[in-house]
């Protein structure tokens, strides 16, 4: 592991490309290498915590599977099991990203916390997503919004978060004027956010691009 990874960067979730391997912006996320804004000790603590939550998720799935097997058909229980399985899969993919970050400096999420996310993409009220950044769509405002979407996308641990952040990106990336939409730092943030969402679904971005 490059020594640079062991030192935490200053300033929030800021990160930069590793100097020994310059990365083209068109490359896929599994080839991206970052110096994340946290140190090795923080990453290891996050891994321990996430593996504990993974075990809790496995127990929850086992309990629901037992209920399904031992009771009459219940749509409510079936739905709970479906969501629990999807959440467990997302968390496992998140853990793999942390393991890849620790071992090879790849797939490092910009943030390790699990920010609150209550945006329901199926809500008919069409509420705006609950971001910390002010929803401004001038150049500086859009860069901040795009950066937060990147951080939130890569930090998802549930299928609801993955779905919600995906809808939020679809909604918000159309809001800035065309010349601002083409801003390179913002475009990179949005691209990397989508790459994280695909990875957390267990999908290959390369295969998705071939199918389109």
Protein backbone atom coordinates (compact mmCIF):
# COMPACT_ATOMS: atom_id res chain seq x y z
CA UNK A 1 0.00 0.00 0.00
CA UNK A 2 1.39 3.41 -0.89
CA UNK A 3 2.60 5.29 2.12
CA UNK A 4 0.58 8.32 1.12
CA UNK A 5 -2.60 6.46 2.02
CA UNK A 6 -1.58 6.20 5.65
CA UNK A 7 -1.68 9.93 6.23
CA UNK A 8 -5.02 11.65 6.57
CA UNK A 9 -5.66 14.59 4.31
CA UNK A 10 -6.74 17.89 5.72
CA UNK A 11 -10.08 19.52 5.14
CA UNK A 12 -13.24 17.43 5.37
CA UNK A 13 -13.66 14.75 2.73
CA UNK A 14 -11.18 16.21 0.25
CA UNK A 15 -9.16 13.71 -1.73
CA UNK A 16 -6.70 13.66 -4.57
CA UNK A 17 -5.32 11.21 -7.08
CA UNK A 18 -2.27 9.25 -6.06
CA UNK A 19 0.74 10.89 -7.69
CA UNK A 20 2.36 7.62 -8.84
CA UNK A 21 -0.58 6.62 -11.02
CA UNK A 22 -2.24 9.51 -12.85
CA UNK A 23 -5.84 8.67 -13.69
CA UNK A 24 -7.73 9.72 -16.79
CA UNK A 25 -11.17 11.10 -16.00
CA UNK A 26 -12.75 8.62 -18.40
CA UNK A 27 -11.43 5.61 -16.49
CA UNK A 28 -13.79 3.47 -14.45
CA UNK A 29 -14.02 3.69 -10.68
CA UNK A 30 -12.18 0.41 -10.09
CA UNK A 31 -9.09 2.02 -11.62
CA UNK A 32 -9.34 5.19 -9.53
CA UNK A 33 -6.91 5.64 -6.68
CA UNK A 34 -7.38 8.36 -4.06
CA UNK A 35 -5.72 9.61 -0.94
CA UNK A 36 -8.90 9.81 1.17
CA UNK A 37 -9.62 12.41 3.81
CA UNK A 38 -9.17 9.92 6.67
CA UNK A 39 -6.38 7.74 7.98
CA UNK A 40 -5.79 4.00 8.18
CA UNK A 41 -6.96 3.76 11.80
CA UNK A 42 -10.30 5.39 10.96
CA UNK A 43 -10.73 3.04 8.01
CA UNK A 44 -10.04 -0.01 10.15
CA UNK A 45 -12.56 1.14 12.77
CA UNK A 46 -15.14 1.62 10.03
CA UNK A 47 -14.48 -1.88 8.71
CA UNK A 48 -14.94 -3.42 12.15
CA UNK A 49 -18.21 -1.54 12.65
CA UNK A 50 -19.54 -2.44 9.19
CA UNK A 51 -18.71 -6.12 9.61
CA UNK A 52 -20.66 -6.08 12.86
CA UNK A 53 -23.62 -4.50 11.08
CA UNK A 54 -23.27 -7.08 8.32
CA UNK A 55 -23.60 -9.84 10.92
CA UNK A 56 -26.71 -8.14 12.34
CA UNK A 57 -28.15 -7.94 8.83
CA UNK A 58 -27.49 -11.64 8.29
CA UNK A 59 -29.35 -12.48 11.49
CA UNK A 60 -32.28 -10.28 10.46
CA UNK A 61 -32.46 -12.03 7.08
CA UNK A 62 -32.32 -15.46 8.75
CA UNK A 63 -35.17 -14.53 11.09
CA UNK A 64 -37.32 -13.28 8.22
CA UNK A 65 -36.57 -16.38 6.16
CA UNK A 66 -37.66 -18.50 9.13
CA UNK A 67 -40.92 -16.54 9.36
CA UNK A 68 -41.57 -16.98 5.66
CA UNK A 69 -40.91 -20.72 5.90
CA UNK A 70 -42.99 -21.28 9.02
CA UNK A 71 -46.08 -19.13 8.37
CA UNK A 72 -48.69 -18.69 5.72
CA UNK A 73 -47.80 -16.41 2.83
CA UNK A 74 -47.48 -12.82 4.03
CA UNK A 75 -46.88 -9.99 1.61
CA UNK A 76 -45.59 -7.80 4.44
CA UNK A 77 -42.99 -10.35 5.55
CA UNK A 78 -42.02 -11.09 1.95
CA UNK A 79 -41.45 -7.37 1.38
CA UNK A 80 -39.41 -7.07 4.56
CA UNK A 81 -37.26 -10.01 3.47
CA UNK A 82 -36.74 -8.54 0.00
CA UNK A 83 -35.59 -5.21 1.44
CA UNK A 84 -33.41 -6.89 4.09
CA UNK A 85 -31.67 -8.98 1.42
CA UNK A 86 -31.11 -5.94 -0.78
CA UNK A 87 -29.78 -3.90 2.17
CA UNK A 88 -27.43 -6.72 3.13
CA UNK A 89 -26.10 -6.91 -0.42
CA UNK A 90 -25.45 -3.16 -0.54
CA UNK A 91 -23.65 -3.23 2.81
CA UNK A 92 -21.47 -6.12 1.64
CA UNK A 93 -20.49 -4.16 -1.46
CA UNK A 94 -19.71 -1.16 0.73
CA UNK A 95 -17.49 -3.36 2.92
CA UNK A 96 -15.69 -4.58 -0.19
CA UNK A 97 -14.99 -0.99 -1.18
CA UNK A 98 -13.47 -0.37 2.26
CA UNK A 99 -11.38 -3.53 1.97
CA UNK A 100 -10.14 -2.48 -1.48
CA UNK A 101 -9.34 0.96 -0.10
CA UNK A 102 -7.34 -0.56 2.76
CA UNK A 103 -5.49 -3.11 0.62
CA UNK A 104 -4.92 -1.31 -2.68
CA UNK A 105 -5.94 2.32 -2.28
CA UNK A 106 -8.91 1.79 -4.63
CA UNK A 107 -12.62 2.50 -4.32
CA UNK A 108 -12.04 4.69 -1.25
CA UNK A 109 -15.30 6.48 -0.40
CA UNK A 110 -14.91 10.22 0.21
CA UNK A 111 -16.54 9.83 3.64
CA UNK A 112 -16.89 7.01 6.19
CA UNK A 113 -19.92 8.27 8.09
CA UNK A 114 -23.47 7.20 7.27
CA UNK A 115 -25.26 10.51 6.67
CA UNK A 116 -28.99 10.62 7.33
CA UNK A 117 -30.99 10.24 4.13
CA UNK A 118 -34.80 10.42 4.14
CA UNK A 119 -35.43 11.15 0.46
CA UNK A 120 -38.09 8.78 -0.94
CA UNK A 121 -37.91 8.65 -4.75
CA UNK A 122 -41.50 7.37 -4.86
CA UNK A 123 -42.89 10.26 -2.81
CA UNK A 124 -45.56 11.97 -4.91
CA UNK A 125 -44.79 15.30 -3.26
CA UNK A 126 -41.55 15.47 -5.28
CA UNK A 127 -39.58 16.91 -2.38
CA UNK A 128 -36.07 18.14 -3.04
CA UNK A 129 -33.33 15.85 -1.69
CA UNK A 130 -32.11 16.69 1.84
CA UNK A 131 -28.56 17.83 1.15
CA UNK A 132 -26.35 19.77 3.54
CA UNK A 133 -25.15 21.97 0.67
CA UNK A 134 -27.42 24.83 -0.32
CA UNK A 135 -29.23 24.00 -3.56
CA UNK A 136 -27.64 26.70 -5.69
CA UNK A 137 -26.87 26.13 -9.33
CA UNK A 138 -24.25 28.73 -10.09
CA UNK A 139 -20.74 27.33 -10.61
CA UNK A 140 -19.63 27.32 -6.97
CA UNK A 141 -22.98 26.08 -5.70
CA UNK A 142 -23.20 23.23 -8.22
CA UNK A 143 -19.67 22.08 -7.42
CA UNK A 144 -20.62 21.80 -3.75
CA UNK A 145 -23.88 19.96 -4.54
CA UNK A 146 -22.12 17.58 -6.92
CA UNK A 147 -19.38 16.92 -4.38
CA UNK A 148 -21.92 16.09 -1.70
CA UNK A 149 -23.82 13.77 -4.05
CA UNK A 150 -20.55 11.96 -4.71
CA UNK A 151 -19.87 11.57 -0.99
CA UNK A 152 -23.40 10.42 -0.20
CA UNK A 153 -23.55 7.97 -3.10
CA UNK A 154 -20.34 6.23 -2.07
CA UNK A 155 -21.44 6.12 1.60
CA UNK A 156 -24.75 4.28 0.97
CA UNK A 157 -25.36 1.15 3.04
CA UNK A 158 -29.00 0.47 2.07
CA UNK A 159 -30.89 -0.03 -1.17
CA UNK A 160 -33.16 2.88 -0.21
CA UNK A 161 -30.14 5.18 -0.09
CA UNK A 162 -28.84 3.88 -3.42
CA UNK A 163 -32.22 4.40 -5.08
CA UNK A 164 -32.77 7.81 -3.47
CA UNK A 165 -29.36 9.24 -4.31
CA UNK A 166 -29.73 7.98 -7.87
CA UNK A 167 -33.03 9.82 -8.28
CA UNK A 168 -31.56 12.94 -6.65
CA UNK A 169 -28.70 12.96 -9.15
CA UNK A 170 -31.15 12.57 -12.04
CA UNK A 171 -33.24 15.45 -10.74
CA UNK A 172 -30.46 17.87 -9.86
CA UNK A 173 -27.98 17.45 -12.69
CA UNK A 174 -30.49 19.03 -15.09
CA UNK A 175 -30.82 22.19 -13.01
CA UNK A 176 -27.56 24.10 -13.77
CA UNK A 177 -27.20 25.99 -17.02
CA UNK A 178 -25.52 24.05 -19.86
CA UNK A 179 -22.16 25.76 -19.45
CA UNK A 180 -22.14 24.91 -15.74
CA UNK A 181 -23.23 21.32 -16.37
CA UNK A 182 -20.06 20.99 -18.46
CA UNK A 183 -17.81 22.07 -15.58
CA UNK A 184 -15.14 19.38 -15.27
CA UNK A 185 -14.88 19.08 -11.45
CA UNK A 186 -18.66 18.86 -11.11
CA UNK A 187 -18.91 16.34 -13.97
CA UNK A 188 -16.22 14.18 -12.36
CA UNK A 189 -18.09 14.22 -9.04
CA UNK A 190 -21.35 13.16 -10.69
CA UNK A 191 -19.63 10.45 -12.74
CA UNK A 192 -17.95 9.04 -9.65
CA UNK A 193 -21.22 9.17 -7.73
CA UNK A 194 -22.89 7.07 -10.40
CA UNK A 195 -19.95 4.66 -10.42
CA UNK A 196 -20.36 4.14 -6.68
CA UNK A 197 -24.09 3.50 -7.04
CA UNK A 198 -23.48 0.89 -9.73
CA UNK A 199 -20.78 -0.76 -7.64
CA UNK A 200 -23.03 -0.85 -4.56
CA UNK A 201 -25.67 -2.61 -6.67
CA UNK A 202 -23.06 -5.18 -7.64
CA UNK A 203 -23.16 -4.12 -11.27
CA UNK A 204 -20.33 -3.61 -13.70
CA UNK A 205 -20.17 -0.09 -15.13
CA UNK A 206 -18.32 -1.44 -18.16
CA UNK A 207 -21.06 -3.96 -18.93
CA UNK A 208 -23.75 -1.32 -18.42
CA UNK A 209 -22.02 0.94 -20.95
CA UNK A 210 -21.87 -1.92 -23.47
CA UNK A 211 -25.59 -2.59 -23.09
CA UNK A 212 -26.57 1.00 -23.90
